[in-house]
Amino acid sequence: MYAGEGEPFLHKDMPEFINHTKKVGIDCAIATNAVLYNSEKINKCLGSLTWIRVSLNAGTKKTYAKIHNSKEDDFNKVINNLEYAVKIKRKNKYKTTIGAQVILISENYNEIITLAKLLKNIGLDYLTIKPFIKHLMSKHNLTKKFNEYEMHCLNEKLQKISDNNFNIVFRVHGFKKLDTKRLYKRCLGL
């Protein structure tokens, strides 16, 4: 999986890396913001990917720009790139799973249903909603914690959108785990 603390498609040869990885017999996947995953790159490497997951933390361009600290037009680029990827997947009968994930925060809570409907309409395979987990070095803080009722209501609405062609995974358990006491004092993962 090509992913990490930066955008994989910033490297000009990423499509070639993906194709070579697949060519030598290794399943290949990528996590991206999809701003740079344009039609040229989609045509070059989509068929070599087992899956692609797009970080898309908003349902409108205004909120997207605020959360991603980017231009509003980047939201449109991502949506257009996803539409094109689905079109190429269907045309070439690729088995690539195309999905998106959202980190649920107060700024995007009211846009999750809009985003889910948009992604389903485009033809994505799934949407995952995850909790915000603060990195030890991060200066960002949650402005609001979601209560069980809010989570239940959102999950209920999302499950009405989910179907055999568009799966919505709401990681309710992940949100509940945030409030549990950890059995360790210091995370050694970092």
Protein backbone atom coordinates (compact mmCIF):
# COMPACT_ATOMS: atom_id res chain seq x y z
CA MET A 1 0.00 0.00 0.00
CA TYR A 2 1.36 3.36 -1.01
CA ALA A 3 0.31 5.80 1.72
CA GLY A 4 1.73 7.75 4.59
CA GLU A 5 2.36 11.25 5.80
CA GLY A 6 2.07 12.76 2.33
CA GLU A 7 0.33 12.47 -1.01
CA PRO A 8 1.73 9.52 -3.04
CA PHE A 9 0.86 11.12 -6.40
CA LEU A 10 3.23 13.99 -5.69
CA HIS A 11 5.89 11.62 -7.02
CA LYS A 12 5.81 11.91 -10.81
CA ASP A 13 6.54 8.18 -11.27
CA MET A 14 3.83 6.83 -8.95
CA PRO A 15 1.82 5.25 -11.82
CA GLU A 16 4.97 3.41 -12.93
CA PHE A 17 5.63 2.25 -9.34
CA ILE A 18 2.07 0.91 -9.14
CA ASN A 19 2.31 -0.89 -12.49
CA HIS A 20 5.70 -2.41 -11.64
CA THR A 21 4.46 -3.57 -8.24
CA LYS A 22 1.55 -5.37 -9.88
CA LYS A 23 3.77 -6.72 -12.69
CA VAL A 24 6.08 -8.47 -10.21
CA GLY A 25 3.07 -10.16 -8.57
CA ILE A 26 2.40 -7.98 -5.55
CA ASP A 27 -1.13 -6.73 -4.88
CA CYS A 28 -1.03 -2.96 -4.88
CA ALA A 29 -3.21 -0.33 -3.22
CA ILE A 30 -3.02 3.39 -2.58
CA ALA A 31 -4.43 5.95 -0.16
CA THR A 32 -4.66 9.37 -1.77
CA ASN A 33 -6.46 12.69 -1.65
CA ALA A 34 -7.10 12.19 -5.43
CA VAL A 35 -6.48 15.83 -6.32
CA LEU A 36 -3.53 14.81 -8.52
CA TYR A 37 -5.04 11.47 -9.58
CA ASN A 38 -6.18 12.89 -12.90
CA SER A 39 -7.37 11.15 -16.08
CA GLU A 40 -3.83 10.56 -17.36
CA LYS A 41 -2.77 8.80 -14.15
CA ILE A 42 -6.06 6.92 -13.90
CA ASN A 43 -5.60 5.57 -17.43
CA LYS A 44 -2.01 4.59 -16.66
CA CYS A 45 -2.49 2.63 -13.44
CA LEU A 46 -6.07 2.10 -12.24
CA GLY A 47 -6.13 -1.46 -13.56
CA SER A 48 -3.01 -2.34 -11.54
CA LEU A 49 -4.59 -1.35 -8.23
CA THR A 50 -6.43 -3.81 -6.01
CA TRP A 51 -8.00 -0.84 -4.27
CA ILE A 52 -7.80 2.91 -4.01
CA ARG A 53 -9.03 4.85 -0.97
CA VAL A 54 -9.59 8.58 -1.14
CA SER A 55 -9.52 10.84 1.91
CA LEU A 56 -12.50 13.09 1.42
CA ASN A 57 -13.47 14.82 4.63
CA ALA A 58 -16.34 17.01 3.44
CA GLY A 59 -19.46 17.06 1.32
CA THR A 60 -19.08 20.61 -0.01
CA LYS A 61 -16.23 22.50 -1.58
CA LYS A 62 -16.25 25.19 1.12
CA THR A 63 -15.88 22.72 3.99
CA TYR A 64 -13.39 20.66 1.98
CA ALA A 65 -11.15 23.70 1.51
CA LYS A 66 -11.36 24.54 5.21
CA ILE A 67 -10.59 21.02 6.45
CA HIS A 68 -7.94 20.17 3.85
CA ASN A 69 -6.44 23.67 3.89
CA SER A 70 -6.76 23.82 0.12
CA LYS A 71 -8.56 25.61 -2.68
CA GLU A 72 -12.31 25.08 -3.02
CA ASP A 73 -11.78 23.88 -6.59
CA ASP A 74 -9.78 20.90 -5.26
CA PHE A 75 -13.08 19.37 -4.12
CA ASN A 76 -14.36 19.54 -7.70
CA LYS A 77 -11.12 17.99 -8.97
CA VAL A 78 -11.48 15.08 -6.56
CA ILE A 79 -15.11 14.48 -7.51
CA ASN A 80 -14.31 14.68 -11.24
CA ASN A 81 -11.35 12.33 -10.81
CA LEU A 82 -13.51 9.84 -8.94
CA GLU A 83 -16.21 9.99 -11.62
CA TYR A 84 -13.60 9.37 -14.29
CA ALA A 85 -12.01 6.49 -12.35
CA VAL A 86 -15.40 4.77 -12.00
CA LYS A 87 -16.05 5.27 -15.72
CA ILE A 88 -12.67 3.72 -16.65
CA LYS A 89 -13.17 0.88 -14.16
CA ARG A 90 -16.51 -0.01 -15.72
CA LYS A 91 -15.34 0.44 -19.31
CA ASN A 92 -12.31 -1.83 -18.84
CA LYS A 93 -14.02 -4.17 -16.37
CA TYR A 94 -11.32 -3.60 -13.76
CA LYS A 95 -11.83 -5.28 -10.41
CA THR A 96 -10.30 -2.31 -8.55
CA THR A 97 -12.26 -1.34 -5.46
CA ILE A 98 -12.76 2.43 -5.33
CA GLY A 99 -13.67 3.90 -1.97
CA ALA A 100 -13.46 6.94 0.25
CA GLN A 101 -13.01 7.62 3.92
CA VAL A 102 -14.05 10.46 6.17
CA ILE A 103 -12.68 11.47 9.52
CA LEU A 104 -15.82 12.62 11.34
CA ILE A 105 -15.46 16.01 13.00
CA SER A 106 -17.93 18.73 13.93
CA GLU A 107 -17.10 20.70 10.75
CA ASN A 108 -18.27 17.88 8.45
CA TYR A 109 -20.92 16.10 10.57
CA ASN A 110 -23.83 17.79 8.77
CA GLU A 111 -22.38 16.96 5.33
CA ILE A 112 -21.85 13.22 5.71
CA ILE A 113 -25.25 12.28 4.28
CA THR A 114 -24.73 14.64 1.33
CA LEU A 115 -21.31 13.15 0.71
CA ALA A 116 -22.58 9.56 0.98
CA LYS A 117 -25.31 10.22 -1.59
CA LEU A 118 -22.85 11.94 -3.92
CA LEU A 119 -20.35 9.07 -3.75
CA LYS A 120 -23.07 6.47 -4.24
CA ASN A 121 -24.33 8.38 -7.27
CA ILE A 122 -20.80 8.51 -8.72
CA GLY A 123 -20.51 4.74 -8.32
CA LEU A 124 -17.92 4.28 -5.57
CA ASP A 125 -17.85 0.91 -3.85
CA TYR A 126 -17.74 2.14 -0.27
CA LEU A 127 -17.49 4.98 2.22
CA THR A 128 -15.91 4.56 5.65
CA ILE A 129 -16.56 7.00 8.49
CA LYS A 130 -13.85 6.98 11.16
CA PRO A 131 -13.17 8.88 14.38
CA PHE A 132 -10.56 11.59 14.66
CA ILE A 133 -7.61 10.20 16.58
CA LYS A 134 -5.16 12.86 17.58
CA HIS A 135 -1.55 12.22 16.67
CA LEU A 136 0.77 12.98 19.57
CA MET A 137 2.52 15.70 17.56
CA SER A 138 -0.69 17.27 16.21
CA LYS A 139 -1.81 20.72 17.28
CA HIS A 140 -5.39 20.03 16.15
CA ASN A 141 -8.08 19.30 18.68
CA LEU A 142 -11.65 18.18 18.34
CA THR A 143 -14.05 21.01 18.98
CA LYS A 144 -16.83 18.59 19.92
CA LYS A 145 -17.27 14.97 20.91
CA PHE A 146 -20.25 13.15 19.47
CA ASN A 147 -22.72 11.56 21.85
CA GLU A 148 -24.27 8.14 21.36
CA TYR A 149 -27.57 9.57 20.12
CA GLU A 150 -25.86 11.63 17.40
CA MET A 151 -23.88 8.58 16.31
CA HIS A 152 -26.97 6.39 16.27
CA CYS A 153 -28.98 8.90 14.21
CA LEU A 154 -26.20 9.39 11.67
CA ASN A 155 -25.56 5.66 11.37
CA GLU A 156 -29.27 4.97 10.87
CA LYS A 157 -29.45 7.50 8.01
CA LEU A 158 -26.27 6.14 6.44
CA GLN A 159 -27.48 2.55 6.51
CA LYS A 160 -30.53 3.61 4.45
CA ILE A 161 -28.12 4.80 1.73
CA SER A 162 -25.92 1.70 1.91
CA ASP A 163 -26.79 -1.20 -0.41
CA ASN A 164 -25.19 -4.14 -2.26
CA ASN A 165 -23.34 -1.79 -4.63
CA PHE A 166 -22.35 0.91 -2.13
CA ASN A 167 -21.27 -0.16 1.34
CA ILE A 168 -21.10 2.34 4.18
CA VAL A 169 -18.92 1.38 7.11
CA PHE A 170 -19.52 3.56 10.14
CA ARG A 171 -16.89 2.62 12.71
CA VAL A 172 -19.11 3.19 15.74
CA HIS A 173 -16.89 0.91 17.82
CA GLY A 174 -13.91 3.15 17.04
CA PHE A 175 -15.77 6.16 18.43
CA LYS A 176 -16.68 4.28 21.59
CA LYS A 177 -13.07 3.14 22.09
CA LEU A 178 -11.95 6.78 22.28
CA ASP A 179 -13.59 7.05 25.68
CA THR A 180 -12.08 3.88 27.15
CA LYS A 181 -9.05 3.94 29.39
CA ARG A 182 -5.95 2.54 27.71
CA LEU A 183 -4.01 -0.23 29.38
CA TYR A 184 -0.71 1.50 28.65
CA LYS A 185 0.74 4.87 29.63
CA ARG A 186 2.75 5.63 26.52
CA CYS A 187 2.23 4.68 22.87
CA LEU A 188 5.40 3.20 21.40
CA GLY A 189 3.96 3.09 17.89
CA LEU A 190 5.39 6.51 17.10
